[in-house]
Amino acid sequence: AVLASTAARLALPDDTSLVTRVSAAGTAGQALAWE
């Protein structure tokens, strides 16, 4: 996972957002429940 993340960060443009975010309509608790 670390190797893939490093490769993706190096290969993709700097402004690419790869961070998963909790939707504006939900809470962190709801995201944890779905996960």
PDB file of all heavy atoms in Angstrom:
ATOM      1  N   ALA A   1       0.825  -1.213   0.000  1.00  0.00           N
ATOM      2  CA  ALA A   1       0.000   0.000   0.000  1.00  0.00           C
ATOM      3  C   ALA A   1       0.857   1.260   0.000  1.00  0.00           C
ATOM      4  O   ALA A   1       0.563   2.232  -0.699  1.00  0.00           O
ATOM      5  CB  ALA A   1      -0.937  -0.008   1.208  1.00  0.00           C
ATOM      6  N   VAL A   2       1.937   1.248   0.774  1.00  0.00           N
ATOM      7  CA  VAL A   2       2.829   2.417   0.819  1.00  0.00           C
ATOM      8  C   VAL A   2       3.495   2.621  -0.541  1.00  0.00           C
ATOM      9  O   VAL A   2       3.578   3.754  -1.044  1.00  0.00           O
ATOM     10  CB  VAL A   2       3.881   2.260   1.945  1.00  0.00           C
ATOM     11  CG1 VAL A   2       4.986   3.285   1.816  1.00  0.00           C
ATOM     12  CG2 VAL A   2       3.212   2.371   3.306  1.00  0.00           C
ATOM     13  N   LEU A   3       3.949   1.544  -1.158  1.00  0.00           N
ATOM     14  CA  LEU A   3       4.568   1.663  -2.486  1.00  0.00           C
ATOM     15  C   LEU A   3       3.578   2.186  -3.516  1.00  0.00           C
ATOM     16  O   LEU A   3       3.913   3.054  -4.329  1.00  0.00           O
ATOM     17  CB  LEU A   3       5.137   0.319  -2.930  1.00  0.00           C
ATOM     18  CG  LEU A   3       6.410  -0.127  -2.237  1.00  0.00           C
ATOM     19  CD1 LEU A   3       6.758  -1.565  -2.643  1.00  0.00           C
ATOM     20  CD2 LEU A   3       7.558   0.807  -2.580  1.00  0.00           C
ATOM     21  N   ALA A   4       2.354   1.667  -3.494  1.00  0.00           N
ATOM     22  CA  ALA A   4       1.342   2.129  -4.452  1.00  0.00           C
ATOM     23  C   ALA A   4       0.986   3.592  -4.217  1.00  0.00           C
ATOM     24  O   ALA A   4       0.831   4.355  -5.171  1.00  0.00           O
ATOM     25  CB  ALA A   4       0.091   1.265  -4.348  1.00  0.00           C
ATOM     26  N   SER A   5       0.857   3.982  -2.962  1.00  0.00           N
ATOM     27  CA  SER A   5       0.532   5.381  -2.649  1.00  0.00           C
ATOM     28  C   SER A   5       1.637   6.318  -3.097  1.00  0.00           C
ATOM     29  O   SER A   5       1.375   7.396  -3.647  1.00  0.00           O
ATOM     30  CB  SER A   5       0.305   5.538  -1.143  1.00  0.00           C
ATOM     31  OG  SER A   5      -0.756   4.733  -0.721  1.00  0.00           O
ATOM     32  N   THR A   6       2.867   5.908  -2.870  1.00  0.00           N
ATOM     33  CA  THR A   6       4.012   6.725  -3.295  1.00  0.00           C
ATOM     34  C   THR A   6       4.046   6.845  -4.814  1.00  0.00           C
ATOM     35  O   THR A   6       4.242   7.947  -5.355  1.00  0.00           O
ATOM     36  CB  THR A   6       5.324   6.111  -2.768  1.00  0.00           C
ATOM     37  OG1 THR A   6       5.249   6.022  -1.343  1.00  0.00           O
ATOM     38  CG2 THR A   6       6.523   6.940  -3.173  1.00  0.00           C
ATOM     39  N   ALA A   7       3.840   5.729  -5.502  1.00  0.00           N
ATOM     40  CA  ALA A   7       3.844   5.754  -6.966  1.00  0.00           C
ATOM     41  C   ALA A   7       2.712   6.622  -7.503  1.00  0.00           C
ATOM     42  O   ALA A   7       2.911   7.391  -8.458  1.00  0.00           O
ATOM     43  CB  ALA A   7       3.722   4.334  -7.513  1.00  0.00           C
ATOM     44  N   ALA A   8       1.519   6.529  -6.893  1.00  0.00           N
ATOM     45  CA  ALA A   8       0.394   7.354  -7.348  1.00  0.00           C
ATOM     46  C   ALA A   8       0.675   8.837  -7.125  1.00  0.00           C
ATOM     47  O   ALA A   8       0.387   9.666  -7.986  1.00  0.00           O
ATOM     48  CB  ALA A   8      -0.886   6.947  -6.615  1.00  0.00           C
ATOM     49  N   ARG A   9       1.252   9.169  -5.986  1.00  0.00           N
ATOM     50  CA  ARG A   9       1.566  10.565  -5.702  1.00  0.00           C
ATOM     51  C   ARG A   9       2.582  11.097  -6.701  1.00  0.00           C
ATOM     52  O   ARG A   9       2.499  12.234  -7.157  1.00  0.00           O
ATOM     53  CB  ARG A   9       2.083  10.697  -4.265  1.00  0.00           C
ATOM     54  CG  ARG A   9       2.482  12.069  -3.831  1.00  0.00           C
ATOM     55  CD  ARG A   9       1.510  13.213  -4.073  1.00  0.00           C
ATOM     56  NE  ARG A   9       0.174  13.029  -3.584  1.00  0.00           N
ATOM     57  CZ  ARG A   9      -0.896  13.629  -4.107  1.00  0.00           C
ATOM     58  NH1 ARG A   9      -0.782  14.461  -5.122  1.00  0.00           N
ATOM     59  NH2 ARG A   9      -2.084  13.416  -3.634  1.00  0.00           N
ATOM     60  N   LEU A  10       3.577  10.276  -7.081  1.00  0.00           N
ATOM     61  CA  LEU A  10       4.593  10.709  -8.036  1.00  0.00           C
ATOM     62  C   LEU A  10       4.058  10.768  -9.470  1.00  0.00           C
ATOM     63  O   LEU A  10       4.476  11.614 -10.254  1.00  0.00           O
ATOM     64  CB  LEU A  10       5.805   9.780  -7.970  1.00  0.00           C
ATOM     65  CG  LEU A  10       6.610   9.815  -6.670  1.00  0.00           C
ATOM     66  CD1 LEU A  10       7.670   8.719  -6.676  1.00  0.00           C
ATOM     67  CD2 LEU A  10       7.233  11.179  -6.455  1.00  0.00           C
ATOM     68  N   ALA A  11       3.134   9.879  -9.807  1.00  0.00           N
ATOM     69  CA  ALA A  11       2.655   9.781 -11.187  1.00  0.00           C
ATOM     70  C   ALA A  11       1.535  10.758 -11.520  1.00  0.00           C
ATOM     71  O   ALA A  11       1.405  11.186 -12.663  1.00  0.00           O
ATOM     72  CB  ALA A  11       2.176   8.354 -11.471  1.00  0.00           C
ATOM     73  N   LEU A  12       0.726  11.100 -10.531  1.00  0.00           N
ATOM     74  CA  LEU A  12      -0.429  11.959 -10.795  1.00  0.00           C
ATOM     75  C   LEU A  12      -0.064  13.427 -10.587  1.00  0.00           C
ATOM     76  O   LEU A  12       0.844  13.738  -9.819  1.00  0.00           O
ATOM     77  CB  LEU A  12      -1.589  11.557  -9.887  1.00  0.00           C
ATOM     78  CG  LEU A  12      -2.156  10.160 -10.162  1.00  0.00           C
ATOM     79  CD1 LEU A  12      -3.130   9.752  -9.075  1.00  0.00           C
ATOM     80  CD2 LEU A  12      -2.825  10.109 -11.520  1.00  0.00           C
ATOM     81  N   PRO A  13      -0.790  14.320 -11.226  1.00  0.00           N
ATOM     82  CA  PRO A  13      -0.517  15.758 -11.041  1.00  0.00           C
ATOM     83  C   PRO A  13      -0.658  16.167  -9.574  1.00  0.00           C
ATOM     84  O   PRO A  13      -1.418  15.563  -8.814  1.00  0.00           O
ATOM     85  CB  PRO A  13      -1.589  16.438 -11.896  1.00  0.00           C
ATOM     86  CG  PRO A  13      -2.052  15.408 -12.857  1.00  0.00           C
ATOM     87  CD  PRO A  13      -1.853  14.082 -12.193  1.00  0.00           C
ATOM     88  N   ASP A  14       0.056  17.216  -9.210  1.00  0.00           N
ATOM     89  CA  ASP A  14       0.075  17.671  -7.813  1.00  0.00           C
ATOM     90  C   ASP A  14      -1.292  18.096  -7.284  1.00  0.00           C
ATOM     91  O   ASP A  14      -1.562  17.987  -6.098  1.00  0.00           O
ATOM     92  CB  ASP A  14       1.065  18.828  -7.643  1.00  0.00           C
ATOM     93  CG  ASP A  14       2.504  18.350  -7.719  1.00  0.00           C
ATOM     94  OD1 ASP A  14       2.747  17.153  -7.490  1.00  0.00           O
ATOM     95  OD2 ASP A  14       3.373  19.184  -8.011  1.00  0.00           O
ATOM     96  N   ASP A  15      -2.161  18.592  -8.164  1.00  0.00           N
ATOM     97  CA  ASP A  15      -3.462  19.066  -7.690  1.00  0.00           C
ATOM     98  C   ASP A  15      -4.509  17.956  -7.616  1.00  0.00           C
ATOM     99  O   ASP A  15      -5.657  18.211  -7.298  1.00  0.00           O
ATOM    100  CB  ASP A  15      -3.961  20.213  -8.568  1.00  0.00           C
ATOM    101  CG  ASP A  15      -4.162  19.794 -10.016  1.00  0.00           C
ATOM    102  OD1 ASP A  15      -3.639  18.737 -10.421  1.00  0.00           O
ATOM    103  OD2 ASP A  15      -4.858  20.528 -10.741  1.00  0.00           O
ATOM    104  N   THR A  16      -4.112  16.709  -7.883  1.00  0.00           N
ATOM    105  CA  THR A  16      -5.041  15.583  -7.796  1.00  0.00           C
ATOM    106  C   THR A  16      -5.305  15.269  -6.333  1.00  0.00           C
ATOM    107  O   THR A  16      -4.390  15.065  -5.555  1.00  0.00           O
ATOM    108  CB  THR A  16      -4.454  14.341  -8.489  1.00  0.00           C
ATOM    109  OG1 THR A  16      -4.128  14.665  -9.832  1.00  0.00           O
ATOM    110  CG2 THR A  16      -5.452  13.197  -8.469  1.00  0.00           C
ATOM    111  N   SER A  17      -6.575  15.219  -5.972  1.00  0.00           N
ATOM    112  CA  SER A  17      -6.946  14.921  -4.586  1.00  0.00           C
ATOM    113  C   SER A  17      -7.223  13.431  -4.456  1.00  0.00           C
ATOM    114  O   SER A  17      -8.166  12.912  -5.057  1.00  0.00           O
ATOM    115  CB  SER A  17      -8.184  15.722  -4.191  1.00  0.00           C
ATOM    116  OG  SER A  17      -8.587  15.356  -2.900  1.00  0.00           O
ATOM    117  N   LEU A  18      -6.405  12.724  -3.701  1.00  0.00           N
ATOM    118  CA  LEU A  18      -6.581  11.291  -3.506  1.00  0.00           C
ATOM    119  C   LEU A  18      -7.084  10.966  -2.112  1.00  0.00           C
ATOM    120  O   LEU A  18      -7.157   9.814  -1.735  1.00  0.00           O
ATOM    121  CB  LEU A  18      -5.253  10.565  -3.746  1.00  0.00           C
ATOM    122  CG  LEU A  18      -4.667  10.708  -5.141  1.00  0.00           C
ATOM    123  CD1 LEU A  18      -3.336   9.983  -5.228  1.00  0.00           C
ATOM    124  CD2 LEU A  18      -5.626  10.171  -6.183  1.00  0.00           C
ATOM    125  N   VAL A  19      -7.459  11.962  -1.360  1.00  0.00           N
ATOM    126  CA  VAL A  19      -7.907  11.745   0.008  1.00  0.00           C
ATOM    127  C   VAL A  19      -9.412  11.527   0.001  1.00  0.00           C
ATOM    128  O   VAL A  19     -10.166  12.325  -0.551  1.00  0.00           O
ATOM    129  CB  VAL A  19      -7.551  12.951   0.906  1.00  0.00           C
ATOM    130  CG1 VAL A  19      -8.066  12.749   2.313  1.00  0.00           C
ATOM    131  CG2 VAL A  19      -6.054  13.171   0.902  1.00  0.00           C
ATOM    132  N   THR A  20      -9.848  10.430   0.612  1.00  0.00           N
ATOM    133  CA  THR A  20     -11.274  10.174   0.739  1.00  0.00           C
ATOM    134  C   THR A  20     -11.830  11.086   1.823  1.00  0.00           C
ATOM    135  O   THR A  20     -11.263  11.171   2.906  1.00  0.00           O
ATOM    136  CB  THR A  20     -11.527   8.704   1.118  1.00  0.00           C
ATOM    137  OG1 THR A  20     -10.912   7.876   0.143  1.00  0.00           O
ATOM    138  CG2 THR A  20     -12.989   8.409   1.195  1.00  0.00           C
ATOM    139  N   ARG A  21     -12.926  11.729   1.528  1.00  0.00           N
ATOM    140  CA  ARG A  21     -13.520  12.653   2.483  1.00  0.00           C
ATOM    141  C   ARG A  21     -14.923  12.184   2.856  1.00  0.00           C
ATOM    142  O   ARG A  21     -15.616  11.579   2.056  1.00  0.00           O
ATOM    143  CB  ARG A  21     -13.607  14.051   1.874  1.00  0.00           C
ATOM    144  CG  ARG A  21     -12.250  14.678   1.674  1.00  0.00           C
ATOM    145  CD  ARG A  21     -12.396  16.100   1.126  1.00  0.00           C
ATOM    146  NE  ARG A  21     -11.105  16.685   0.923  1.00  0.00           N
ATOM    147  CZ  ARG A  21     -10.379  16.533  -0.175  1.00  0.00           C
ATOM    148  NH1 ARG A  21     -10.823  15.800  -1.157  1.00  0.00           N
ATOM    149  NH2 ARG A  21      -9.203  17.107  -0.291  1.00  0.00           N
ATOM    150  N   VAL A  22     -15.319  12.521   4.059  1.00  0.00           N
ATOM    151  CA  VAL A  22     -16.691  12.269   4.482  1.00  0.00           C
ATOM    152  C   VAL A  22     -17.573  13.262   3.739  1.00  0.00           C
ATOM    153  O   VAL A  22     -17.242  14.440   3.636  1.00  0.00           O
ATOM    154  CB  VAL A  22     -16.833  12.448   6.011  1.00  0.00           C
ATOM    155  CG1 VAL A  22     -18.280  12.271   6.450  1.00  0.00           C
ATOM    156  CG2 VAL A  22     -15.927  11.481   6.740  1.00  0.00           C
ATOM    157  N   SER A  23     -18.681  12.788   3.213  1.00  0.00           N
ATOM    158  CA  SER A  23     -19.558  13.659   2.449  1.00  0.00           C
ATOM    159  C   SER A  23     -20.096  14.788   3.335  1.00  0.00           C
ATOM    160  O   SER A  23     -20.234  14.637   4.544  1.00  0.00           O
ATOM    161  CB  SER A  23     -20.698  12.840   1.844  1.00  0.00           C
ATOM    162  OG  SER A  23     -21.922  13.156   2.393  1.00  0.00           O
ATOM    163  N   ALA A  24     -20.401  15.909   2.710  1.00  0.00           N
ATOM    164  CA  ALA A  24     -20.904  17.067   3.449  1.00  0.00           C
ATOM    165  C   ALA A  24     -22.237  16.755   4.108  1.00  0.00           C
ATOM    166  O   ALA A  24     -22.596  17.375   5.109  1.00  0.00           O
ATOM    167  CB  ALA A  24     -21.045  18.255   2.504  1.00  0.00           C
ATOM    168  N   ALA A  25     -22.974  15.790   3.564  1.00  0.00           N
ATOM    169  CA  ALA A  25     -24.283  15.443   4.112  1.00  0.00           C
ATOM    170  C   ALA A  25     -24.184  14.485   5.297  1.00  0.00           C
ATOM    171  O   ALA A  25     -25.170  14.255   5.981  1.00  0.00           O
ATOM    172  CB  ALA A  25     -25.145  14.817   3.023  1.00  0.00           C
ATOM    173  N   GLY A  26     -22.999  13.921   5.538  1.00  0.00           N
ATOM    174  CA  GLY A  26     -22.863  12.928   6.599  1.00  0.00           C
ATOM    175  C   GLY A  26     -21.868  13.347   7.659  1.00  0.00           C
ATOM    176  O   GLY A  26     -21.217  14.385   7.564  1.00  0.00           O
ATOM    177  N   THR A  27     -21.771  12.524   8.690  1.00  0.00           N
ATOM    178  CA  THR A  27     -20.823  12.766   9.770  1.00  0.00           C
ATOM    179  C   THR A  27     -19.742  11.698   9.737  1.00  0.00           C
ATOM    180  O   THR A  27     -19.874  10.684   9.042  1.00  0.00           O
ATOM    181  CB  THR A  27     -21.531  12.702  11.133  1.00  0.00           C
ATOM    182  OG1 THR A  27     -21.996  11.351  11.348  1.00  0.00           O
ATOM    183  CG2 THR A  27     -22.714  13.663  11.206  1.00  0.00           C
ATOM    184  N   ALA A  28     -18.699  11.910  10.507  1.00  0.00           N
ATOM    185  CA  ALA A  28     -17.627  10.917  10.592  1.00  0.00           C
ATOM    186  C   ALA A  28     -18.161   9.611  11.180  1.00  0.00           C
ATOM    187  O   ALA A  28     -17.750   8.517  10.765  1.00  0.00           O
ATOM    188  CB  ALA A  28     -16.476  11.457  11.433  1.00  0.00           C
ATOM    189  N   GLY A  29     -19.089   9.689  12.112  1.00  0.00           N
ATOM    190  CA  GLY A  29     -19.694   8.487  12.692  1.00  0.00           C
ATOM    191  C   GLY A  29     -20.479   7.689  11.664  1.00  0.00           C
ATOM    192  O   GLY A  29     -20.417   6.454  11.639  1.00  0.00           O
ATOM    193  N   GLN A  30     -21.210   8.383  10.809  1.00  0.00           N
ATOM    194  CA  GLN A  30     -21.944   7.695   9.745  1.00  0.00           C
ATOM    195  C   GLN A  30     -20.983   7.052   8.753  1.00  0.00           C
ATOM    196  O   GLN A  30     -21.210   5.934   8.289  1.00  0.00           O
ATOM    197  CB  GLN A  30     -22.874   8.667   9.029  1.00  0.00           C
ATOM    198  CG  GLN A  30     -24.042   9.109   9.880  1.00  0.00           C
ATOM    199  CD  GLN A  30     -24.807  10.257   9.237  1.00  0.00           C
ATOM    200  OE1 GLN A  30     -24.224  11.116   8.571  1.00  0.00           O
ATOM    201  NE2 GLN A  30     -26.116  10.286   9.470  1.00  0.00           N
ATOM    202  N   ALA A  31     -19.899   7.744   8.436  1.00  0.00           N
ATOM    203  CA  ALA A  31     -18.904   7.185   7.524  1.00  0.00           C
ATOM    204  C   ALA A  31     -18.275   5.928   8.128  1.00  0.00           C
ATOM    205  O   ALA A  31     -18.072   4.929   7.431  1.00  0.00           O
ATOM    206  CB  ALA A  31     -17.829   8.223   7.207  1.00  0.00           C
ATOM    207  N   LEU A  32     -17.993   5.952   9.424  1.00  0.00           N
ATOM    208  CA  LEU A  32     -17.444   4.783  10.104  1.00  0.00           C
ATOM    209  C   LEU A  32     -18.435   3.624  10.080  1.00  0.00           C
ATOM    210  O   LEU A  32     -18.055   2.469   9.851  1.00  0.00           O
ATOM    211  CB  LEU A  32     -17.066   5.133  11.541  1.00  0.00           C
ATOM    212  CG  LEU A  32     -16.511   3.983  12.381  1.00  0.00           C
ATOM    213  CD1 LEU A  32     -15.197   3.464  11.779  1.00  0.00           C
ATOM    214  CD2 LEU A  32     -16.304   4.424  13.815  1.00  0.00           C
ATOM    215  N   ALA A  33     -19.712   3.918  10.281  1.00  0.00           N
ATOM    216  CA  ALA A  33     -20.736   2.868  10.239  1.00  0.00           C
ATOM    217  C   ALA A  33     -20.813   2.234   8.852  1.00  0.00           C
ATOM    218  O   ALA A  33     -20.885   1.002   8.729  1.00  0.00           O
ATOM    219  CB  ALA A  33     -22.091   3.444  10.645  1.00  0.00           C
ATOM    220  N   TRP A  34     -20.784   3.050   7.806  1.00  0.00           N
ATOM    221  CA  TRP A  34     -20.825   2.512   6.438  1.00  0.00           C
ATOM    222  C   TRP A  34     -19.572   1.692   6.131  1.00  0.00           C
ATOM    223  O   TRP A  34     -19.641   0.646   5.483  1.00  0.00           O
ATOM    224  CB  TRP A  34     -20.994   3.633   5.415  1.00  0.00           C
ATOM    225  CG  TRP A  34     -22.423   4.017   5.233  1.00  0.00           C
ATOM    226  CD1 TRP A  34     -23.008   5.182   5.625  1.00  0.00           C
ATOM    227  CD2 TRP A  34     -23.459   3.234   4.638  1.00  0.00           C
ATOM    228  NE1 TRP A  34     -24.344   5.161   5.302  1.00  0.00           N
ATOM    229  CE2 TRP A  34     -24.648   3.975   4.696  1.00  0.00           C
ATOM    230  CE3 TRP A  34     -23.497   1.973   4.061  1.00  0.00           C
ATOM    231  CZ2 TRP A  34     -25.857   3.504   4.201  1.00  0.00           C
ATOM    232  CZ3 TRP A  34     -24.711   1.500   3.574  1.00  0.00           C
ATOM    233  CH2 TRP A  34     -25.875   2.266   3.640  1.00  0.00           C
ATOM    234  N   GLU A  35     -18.434   2.172   6.580  1.00  0.00           N
ATOM    235  CA  GLU A  35     -17.180   1.437   6.354  1.00  0.00           C
ATOM    236  C   GLU A  35     -17.215   0.099   7.080  1.00  0.00           C
ATOM    237  O   GLU A  35     -16.772  -0.917   6.547  1.00  0.00           O
ATOM    238  CB  GLU A  35     -15.985   2.272   6.814  1.00  0.00           C
ATOM    239  CG  GLU A  35     -14.651   1.615   6.595  1.00  0.00           C
ATOM    240  CD  GLU A  35     -14.292   1.408   5.136  1.00  0.00           C
ATOM    241  OE1 GLU A  35     -14.739   2.193   4.277  1.00  0.00           O
ATOM    242  OE2 GLU A  35     -13.555   0.441   4.845  1.00  0.00           O
TER     243      GLU A  35
END
